[in-house]
Each structure stands twice: as C-alpha cells, then as structure tokens.
Amino acid sequence: MSSTLAEQLKLKKKELTTPLPVQLAVQGSFSKVNFGMTAKVEYQCIYCDWYFDIINLSNYDLILGTLFLHQN
C-alpha cells in the first residue's frame, strides 16, 4: 500500500522491528519497508482483514499480490 493512501485513509501503521528491502514498484532505485498495517478489505463478495506493507509506490495505490488473489 502506498504511504499516501495509508495517510488519506487515516490507517494506523505499525513500525517493523526489521526493515524489509524492496526493489520493484517503488519510487527510487531502492527502498525499505519500515511500516505495516492491517486493513479491512471489502470488494464484491470479499470481506477480510489483510496485512499490507506501507511503501512509497510509484504509479500505484495498492498492490494485492498473488497470495491475496489465490485465497480470494
């Protein structure tokens, strides 16, 4: 989830004890995930709580990922 979207939705973020490196879909050539949070996802017939890493995404607000797609 982009940090901009997390701020707009006023979601509570939690600081990670160990930052995670990220190289794809972020602004800049290299970034780290320092925060994460759990949010309620409601789309069509899907209602669940899902964990998101908060990063500076370029051109995206949210990336659901293959795990979410396989489970839903």
PDB file of N, CA and C in Angstrom:
ATOM      1  N   MET A   1       0.850  -1.168   0.000  1.00  0.00           N
ATOM      2  CA  MET A   1       0.000   0.000   0.000  1.00  0.00           C
ATOM      3  C   MET A   1       0.895   1.230   0.000  1.00  0.00           C
ATOM      4  N   SER A   2       0.495   2.209  -0.771  1.00  0.00           N
ATOM      5  CA  SER A   2       1.296   3.432  -0.804  1.00  0.00           C
ATOM      6  C   SER A   2       1.150   4.190   0.511  1.00  0.00           C
ATOM      7  N   SER A   3       2.190   4.880   0.881  1.00  0.00           N
ATOM      8  CA  SER A   3       2.140   5.683   2.108  1.00  0.00           C
ATOM      9  C   SER A   3       1.112   6.802   1.966  1.00  0.00           C
ATOM     10  N   THR A   4       0.915   7.290   0.755  1.00  0.00           N
ATOM     11  CA  THR A   4      -0.083   8.339   0.510  1.00  0.00           C
ATOM     12  C   THR A   4      -1.488   7.826   0.794  1.00  0.00           C
ATOM     13  N   LEU A   5      -1.820   6.634   0.299  1.00  0.00           N
ATOM     14  CA  LEU A   5      -3.145   6.052   0.537  1.00  0.00           C
ATOM     15  C   LEU A   5      -3.365   5.775   2.016  1.00  0.00           C
ATOM     16  N   ALA A   6      -2.364   5.264   2.697  1.00  0.00           N
ATOM     17  CA  ALA A   6      -2.482   4.996   4.138  1.00  0.00           C
ATOM     18  C   ALA A   6      -2.775   6.282   4.907  1.00  0.00           C
ATOM     19  N   GLU A   7      -2.130   7.367   4.520  1.00  0.00           N
ATOM     20  CA  GLU A   7      -2.379   8.656   5.175  1.00  0.00           C
ATOM     21  C   GLU A   7      -3.774   9.175   4.850  1.00  0.00           C
ATOM     22  N   GLN A   8      -4.211   9.052   3.592  1.00  0.00           N
ATOM     23  CA  GLN A   8      -5.535   9.514   3.191  1.00  0.00           C
ATOM     24  C   GLN A   8      -6.643   8.758   3.914  1.00  0.00           C
ATOM     25  N   LEU A   9      -6.452   7.454   4.128  1.00  0.00           N
ATOM     26  CA  LEU A   9      -7.450   6.640   4.809  1.00  0.00           C
ATOM     27  C   LEU A   9      -7.319   6.700   6.327  1.00  0.00           C
ATOM     28  N   LYS A  10      -6.295   7.400   6.814  1.00  0.00           N
ATOM     29  CA  LYS A  10      -6.027   7.571   8.244  1.00  0.00           C
ATOM     30  C   LYS A  10      -5.932   6.223   8.961  1.00  0.00           C
ATOM     31  N   LEU A  11      -5.140   5.322   8.366  1.00  0.00           N
ATOM     32  CA  LEU A  11      -4.938   4.000   8.935  1.00  0.00           C
ATOM     33  C   LEU A  11      -3.769   4.021   9.914  1.00  0.00           C
ATOM     34  N   LYS A  12      -3.891   3.246  10.989  1.00  0.00           N
ATOM     35  CA  LYS A  12      -2.818   3.168  11.973  1.00  0.00           C
ATOM     36  C   LYS A  12      -1.734   2.244  11.448  1.00  0.00           C
ATOM     37  N   LYS A  13      -0.526   2.759  11.363  1.00  0.00           N
ATOM     38  CA  LYS A  13       0.578   1.926  10.903  1.00  0.00           C
ATOM     39  C   LYS A  13       1.463   1.548  12.082  1.00  0.00           C
ATOM     40  N   LYS A  14       2.090   0.388  11.947  1.00  0.00           N
ATOM     41  CA  LYS A  14       2.980  -0.115  12.992  1.00  0.00           C
ATOM     42  C   LYS A  14       4.386  -0.201  12.430  1.00  0.00           C
ATOM     43  N   GLU A  15       5.358   0.239  13.216  1.00  0.00           N
ATOM     44  CA  GLU A  15       6.755   0.190  12.779  1.00  0.00           C
ATOM     45  C   GLU A  15       7.268  -1.244  12.857  1.00  0.00           C
ATOM     46  N   LEU A  16       7.942  -1.687  11.805  1.00  0.00           N
ATOM     47  CA  LEU A  16       8.514  -3.029  11.768  1.00  0.00           C
ATOM     48  C   LEU A  16       9.815  -3.060  12.568  1.00  0.00           C
ATOM     49  N   THR A  17      10.069  -4.154  13.243  1.00  0.00           N
ATOM     50  CA  THR A  17      11.310  -4.264  14.010  1.00  0.00           C
ATOM     51  C   THR A  17      12.515  -4.411  13.082  1.00  0.00           C
ATOM     52  N   THR A  18      12.322  -5.080  11.945  1.00  0.00           N
ATOM     53  CA  THR A  18      13.387  -5.239  10.955  1.00  0.00           C
ATOM     54  C   THR A  18      12.891  -4.735   9.608  1.00  0.00           C
ATOM     55  N   PRO A  19      13.449  -3.636   9.077  1.00  0.00           N
ATOM     56  CA  PRO A  19      13.025  -3.139   7.768  1.00  0.00           C
ATOM     57  C   PRO A  19      13.282  -4.169   6.664  1.00  0.00           C
ATOM     58  N   LEU A  20      12.376  -4.216   5.686  1.00  0.00           N
ATOM     59  CA  LEU A  20      12.482  -5.157   4.577  1.00  0.00           C
ATOM     60  C   LEU A  20      12.892  -4.426   3.302  1.00  0.00           C
ATOM     61  N   PRO A  21      13.874  -4.931   2.562  1.00  0.00           N
ATOM     62  CA  PRO A  21      14.273  -4.276   1.304  1.00  0.00           C
ATOM     63  C   PRO A  21      13.262  -4.530   0.191  1.00  0.00           C
ATOM     64  N   VAL A  22      13.044  -3.521  -0.660  1.00  0.00           N
ATOM     65  CA  VAL A  22      12.139  -3.615  -1.809  1.00  0.00           C
ATOM     66  C   VAL A  22      12.821  -2.969  -2.997  1.00  0.00           C
ATOM     67  N   GLN A  23      12.722  -3.614  -4.169  1.00  0.00           N
ATOM     68  CA  GLN A  23      13.365  -3.047  -5.348  1.00  0.00           C
ATOM     69  C   GLN A  23      12.404  -2.767  -6.495  1.00  0.00           C
ATOM     70  N   LEU A  24      11.215  -3.356  -6.491  1.00  0.00           N
ATOM     71  CA  LEU A  24      10.281  -3.171  -7.597  1.00  0.00           C
ATOM     72  C   LEU A  24       9.095  -2.305  -7.192  1.00  0.00           C
ATOM     73  N   ALA A  25       8.559  -1.549  -8.144  1.00  0.00           N
ATOM     74  CA  ALA A  25       7.338  -0.755  -7.982  1.00  0.00           C
ATOM     75  C   ALA A  25       7.455   0.380  -6.969  1.00  0.00           C
ATOM     76  N   VAL A  26       8.667   0.805  -6.632  1.00  0.00           N
ATOM     77  CA  VAL A  26       8.833   1.883  -5.654  1.00  0.00           C
ATOM     78  C   VAL A  26       9.480   3.091  -6.315  1.00  0.00           C
ATOM     79  N   GLN A  27       9.314   4.245  -5.696  1.00  0.00           N
ATOM     80  CA  GLN A  27       9.970   5.456  -6.168  1.00  0.00           C
ATOM     81  C   GLN A  27      11.423   5.395  -5.751  1.00  0.00           C
ATOM     82  N   GLY A  28      12.312   5.621  -6.694  1.00  0.00           N
ATOM     83  CA  GLY A  28      13.734   5.499  -6.422  1.00  0.00           C
ATOM     84  C   GLY A  28      14.199   4.092  -6.763  1.00  0.00           C
ATOM     85  N   SER A  29      15.484   3.883  -6.811  1.00  0.00           N
ATOM     86  CA  SER A  29      16.007   2.586  -7.239  1.00  0.00           C
ATOM     87  C   SER A  29      15.968   1.532  -6.131  1.00  0.00           C
ATOM     88  N   PHE A  30      15.941   1.956  -4.888  1.00  0.00           N
ATOM     89  CA  PHE A  30      15.939   1.009  -3.772  1.00  0.00           C
ATOM     90  C   PHE A  30      15.209   1.643  -2.605  1.00  0.00           C
ATOM     91  N   SER A  31      14.395   0.864  -1.932  1.00  0.00           N
ATOM     92  CA  SER A  31      13.620   1.380  -0.808  1.00  0.00           C
ATOM     93  C   SER A  31      13.516   0.307   0.261  1.00  0.00           C
ATOM     94  N   LYS A  32      13.062   0.686   1.428  1.00  0.00           N
ATOM     95  CA  LYS A  32      12.849  -0.256   2.522  1.00  0.00           C
ATOM     96  C   LYS A  32      11.447  -0.078   3.069  1.00  0.00           C
ATOM     97  N   VAL A  33      10.867  -1.191   3.509  1.00  0.00           N
ATOM     98  CA  VAL A  33       9.575  -1.164   4.183  1.00  0.00           C
ATOM     99  C   VAL A  33       9.859  -0.979   5.659  1.00  0.00           C
ATOM    100  N   ASN A  34       9.396   0.126   6.213  1.00  0.00           N
ATOM    101  CA  ASN A  34       9.589   0.415   7.632  1.00  0.00           C
ATOM    102  C   ASN A  34       8.304   0.270   8.441  1.00  0.00           C
ATOM    103  N   PHE A  35       7.147   0.284   7.743  1.00  0.00           N
ATOM    104  CA  PHE A  35       5.856   0.234   8.427  1.00  0.00           C
ATOM    105  C   PHE A  35       4.933  -0.765   7.751  1.00  0.00           C
ATOM    106  N   GLY A  36       3.976  -1.272   8.515  1.00  0.00           N
ATOM    107  CA  GLY A  36       2.945  -2.157   8.006  1.00  0.00           C
ATOM    108  C   GLY A  36       1.659  -1.911   8.756  1.00  0.00           C
ATOM    109  N   MET A  37       0.563  -2.485   8.265  1.00  0.00           N
ATOM    110  CA  MET A  37      -0.718  -2.335   8.940  1.00  0.00           C
ATOM    111  C   MET A  37      -1.711  -3.345   8.404  1.00  0.00           C
ATOM    112  N   THR A  38      -2.763  -3.559   9.158  1.00  0.00           N
ATOM    113  CA  THR A  38      -3.847  -4.439   8.744  1.00  0.00           C
ATOM    114  C   THR A  38      -5.065  -3.584   8.465  1.00  0.00           C
ATOM    115  N   ALA A  39      -5.716  -3.860   7.328  1.00  0.00           N
ATOM    116  CA  ALA A  39      -6.896  -3.082   6.932  1.00  0.00           C
ATOM    117  C   ALA A  39      -8.010  -4.020   6.515  1.00  0.00           C
ATOM    118  N   LYS A  40      -9.239  -3.560   6.642  1.00  0.00           N
ATOM    119  CA  LYS A  40     -10.389  -4.327   6.175  1.00  0.00           C
ATOM    120  C   LYS A  40     -10.502  -4.148   4.665  1.00  0.00           C
ATOM    121  N   VAL A  41     -10.629  -5.271   3.958  1.00  0.00           N
ATOM    122  CA  VAL A  41     -10.794  -5.251   2.512  1.00  0.00           C
ATOM    123  C   VAL A  41     -12.217  -5.692   2.209  1.00  0.00           C
ATOM    124  N   GLU A  42     -12.952  -4.846   1.470  1.00  0.00           N
ATOM    125  CA  GLU A  42     -14.313  -5.175   1.049  1.00  0.00           C
ATOM    126  C   GLU A  42     -14.408  -4.921  -0.444  1.00  0.00           C
ATOM    127  N   TYR A  43     -14.608  -5.998  -1.206  1.00  0.00           N
ATOM    128  CA  TYR A  43     -14.736  -5.880  -2.660  1.00  0.00           C
ATOM    129  C   TYR A  43     -15.639  -6.997  -3.146  1.00  0.00           C
ATOM    130  N   GLN A  44     -16.737  -6.643  -3.796  1.00  0.00           N
ATOM    131  CA  GLN A  44     -17.742  -7.594  -4.260  1.00  0.00           C
ATOM    132  C   GLN A  44     -18.114  -8.535  -3.117  1.00  0.00           C
ATOM    133  N   CYS A  45     -17.782  -9.827  -3.183  1.00  0.00           N
ATOM    134  CA  CYS A  45     -18.155 -10.761  -2.110  1.00  0.00           C
ATOM    135  C   CYS A  45     -16.985 -11.060  -1.168  1.00  0.00           C
ATOM    136  N   ILE A  46     -15.919 -10.244  -1.220  1.00  0.00           N
ATOM    137  CA  ILE A  46     -14.744 -10.458  -0.374  1.00  0.00           C
ATOM    138  C   ILE A  46     -14.804  -9.500   0.811  1.00  0.00           C
ATOM    139  N   TYR A  47     -14.752 -10.052   2.013  1.00  0.00           N
ATOM    140  CA  TYR A  47     -14.710  -9.275   3.250  1.00  0.00           C
ATOM    141  C   TYR A  47     -13.649  -9.909   4.145  1.00  0.00           C
ATOM    142  N   CYS A  48     -12.520  -9.231   4.326  1.00  0.00           N
ATOM    143  CA  CYS A  48     -11.458  -9.818   5.156  1.00  0.00           C
ATOM    144  C   CYS A  48     -10.543  -8.722   5.696  1.00  0.00           C
ATOM    145  N   ASP A  49      -9.778  -9.085   6.713  1.00  0.00           N
ATOM    146  CA  ASP A  49      -8.704  -8.226   7.205  1.00  0.00           C
ATOM    147  C   ASP A  49      -7.434  -8.704   6.519  1.00  0.00           C
ATOM    148  N   TRP A  50      -6.641  -7.777   5.994  1.00  0.00           N
ATOM    149  CA  TRP A  50      -5.444  -8.151   5.247  1.00  0.00           C
ATOM    150  C   TRP A  50      -4.285  -7.265   5.664  1.00  0.00           C
ATOM    151  N   TYR A  51      -3.112  -7.871   5.794  1.00  0.00           N
ATOM    152  CA  TYR A  51      -1.905  -7.136   6.168  1.00  0.00           C
ATOM    153  C   TYR A  51      -1.275  -6.505   4.924  1.00  0.00           C
ATOM    154  N   PHE A  52      -0.851  -5.261   5.056  1.00  0.00           N
ATOM    155  CA  PHE A  52      -0.173  -4.544   3.974  1.00  0.00           C
ATOM    156  C   PHE A  52       1.123  -3.939   4.488  1.00  0.00           C
ATOM    157  N   ASP A  53       2.180  -4.019   3.688  1.00  0.00           N
ATOM    158  CA  ASP A  53       3.385  -3.230   3.936  1.00  0.00           C
ATOM    159  C   ASP A  53       3.120  -1.840   3.386  1.00  0.00           C
ATOM    160  N   ILE A  54       3.654  -0.821   4.033  1.00  0.00           N
ATOM    161  CA  ILE A  54       3.481   0.557   3.577  1.00  0.00           C
ATOM    162  C   ILE A  54       4.796   1.021   2.964  1.00  0.00           C
ATOM    163  N   ILE A  55       4.742   1.351   1.669  1.00  0.00           N
ATOM    164  CA  ILE A  55       5.940   1.782   0.947  1.00  0.00           C
ATOM    165  C   ILE A  55       5.601   2.923  -0.003  1.00  0.00           C
ATOM    166  N   ASN A  56       6.625   3.582  -0.516  1.00  0.00           N
ATOM    167  CA  ASN A  56       6.437   4.668  -1.484  1.00  0.00           C
ATOM    168  C   ASN A  56       6.291   4.074  -2.881  1.00  0.00           C
ATOM    169  N   LEU A  57       5.066   3.674  -3.220  1.00  0.00           N
ATOM    170  CA  LEU A  57       4.801   3.084  -4.528  1.00  0.00           C
ATOM    171  C   LEU A  57       4.775   4.159  -5.596  1.00  0.00           C
ATOM    172  N   SER A  58       5.292   3.829  -6.773  1.00  0.00           N
ATOM    173  CA  SER A  58       5.180   4.758  -7.893  1.00  0.00           C
ATOM    174  C   SER A  58       4.082   4.253  -8.822  1.00  0.00           C
ATOM    175  N   ASN A  59       3.125   5.098  -9.131  1.00  0.00           N
ATOM    176  CA  ASN A  59       2.025   4.834 -10.066  1.00  0.00           C
ATOM    177  C   ASN A  59       0.959   3.878  -9.537  1.00  0.00           C
ATOM    178  N   TYR A  60       1.010   3.446  -8.299  1.00  0.00           N
ATOM    179  CA  TYR A  60       0.006   2.539  -7.737  1.00  0.00           C
ATOM    180  C   TYR A  60      -0.385   3.006  -6.345  1.00  0.00           C
ATOM    181  N   ASP A  61      -1.643   2.744  -5.973  1.00  0.00           N
ATOM    182  CA  ASP A  61      -2.090   2.991  -4.606  1.00  0.00           C
ATOM    183  C   ASP A  61      -1.977   1.729  -3.769  1.00  0.00           C
ATOM    184  N   LEU A  62      -2.180   0.579  -4.428  1.00  0.00           N
ATOM    185  CA  LEU A  62      -2.255  -0.674  -3.694  1.00  0.00           C
ATOM    186  C   LEU A  62      -1.884  -1.827  -4.616  1.00  0.00           C
ATOM    187  N   ILE A  63      -1.107  -2.767  -4.107  1.00  0.00           N
ATOM    188  CA  ILE A  63      -0.810  -3.995  -4.832  1.00  0.00           C
ATOM    189  C   ILE A  63      -1.277  -5.145  -3.946  1.00  0.00           C
ATOM    190  N   LEU A  64      -2.234  -5.947  -4.439  1.00  0.00           N
ATOM    191  CA  LEU A  64      -2.798  -7.018  -3.623  1.00  0.00           C
ATOM    192  C   LEU A  64      -1.888  -8.233  -3.551  1.00  0.00           C
ATOM    193  N   GLY A  65      -1.226  -8.599  -4.608  1.00  0.00           N
ATOM    194  CA  GLY A  65      -0.298  -9.719  -4.587  1.00  0.00           C
ATOM    195  C   GLY A  65      -0.944 -11.059  -4.890  1.00  0.00           C
ATOM    196  N   THR A  66      -0.102 -12.029  -5.206  1.00  0.00           N
ATOM    197  CA  THR A  66      -0.593 -13.335  -5.615  1.00  0.00           C
ATOM    198  C   THR A  66      -1.236 -14.122  -4.477  1.00  0.00           C
ATOM    199  N   LEU A  67      -0.749 -13.987  -3.255  1.00  0.00           N
ATOM    200  CA  LEU A  67      -1.359 -14.696  -2.120  1.00  0.00           C
ATOM    201  C   LEU A  67      -2.814 -14.282  -1.955  1.00  0.00           C
ATOM    202  N   PHE A  68      -3.096 -12.992  -1.987  1.00  0.00           N
ATOM    203  CA  PHE A  68      -4.472 -12.495  -1.872  1.00  0.00           C
ATOM    204  C   PHE A  68      -5.318 -13.030  -3.022  1.00  0.00           C
ATOM    205  N   LEU A  69      -4.794 -12.985  -4.229  1.00  0.00           N
ATOM    206  CA  LEU A  69      -5.547 -13.434  -5.399  1.00  0.00           C
ATOM    207  C   LEU A  69      -5.847 -14.939  -5.336  1.00  0.00           C
ATOM    208  N   HIS A  70      -4.892 -15.733  -4.874  1.00  0.00           N
ATOM    209  CA  HIS A  70      -5.118 -17.179  -4.760  1.00  0.00           C
ATOM    210  C   HIS A  70      -6.160 -17.509  -3.680  1.00  0.00           C
ATOM    211  N   GLN A  71      -6.127 -16.773  -2.590  1.00  0.00           N
ATOM    212  CA  GLN A  71      -7.052 -17.056  -1.485  1.00  0.00           C
ATOM    213  C   GLN A  71      -8.455 -16.529  -1.739  1.00  0.00           C
ATOM    214  N   ASN A  72      -8.581 -15.556  -2.638  1.00  0.00           N
ATOM    215  CA  ASN A  72      -9.886 -14.956  -2.887  1.00  0.00           C
ATOM    216  C   ASN A  72     -10.293 -15.108  -4.322  1.00  0.00           C
TER     217      ASN A  72
END
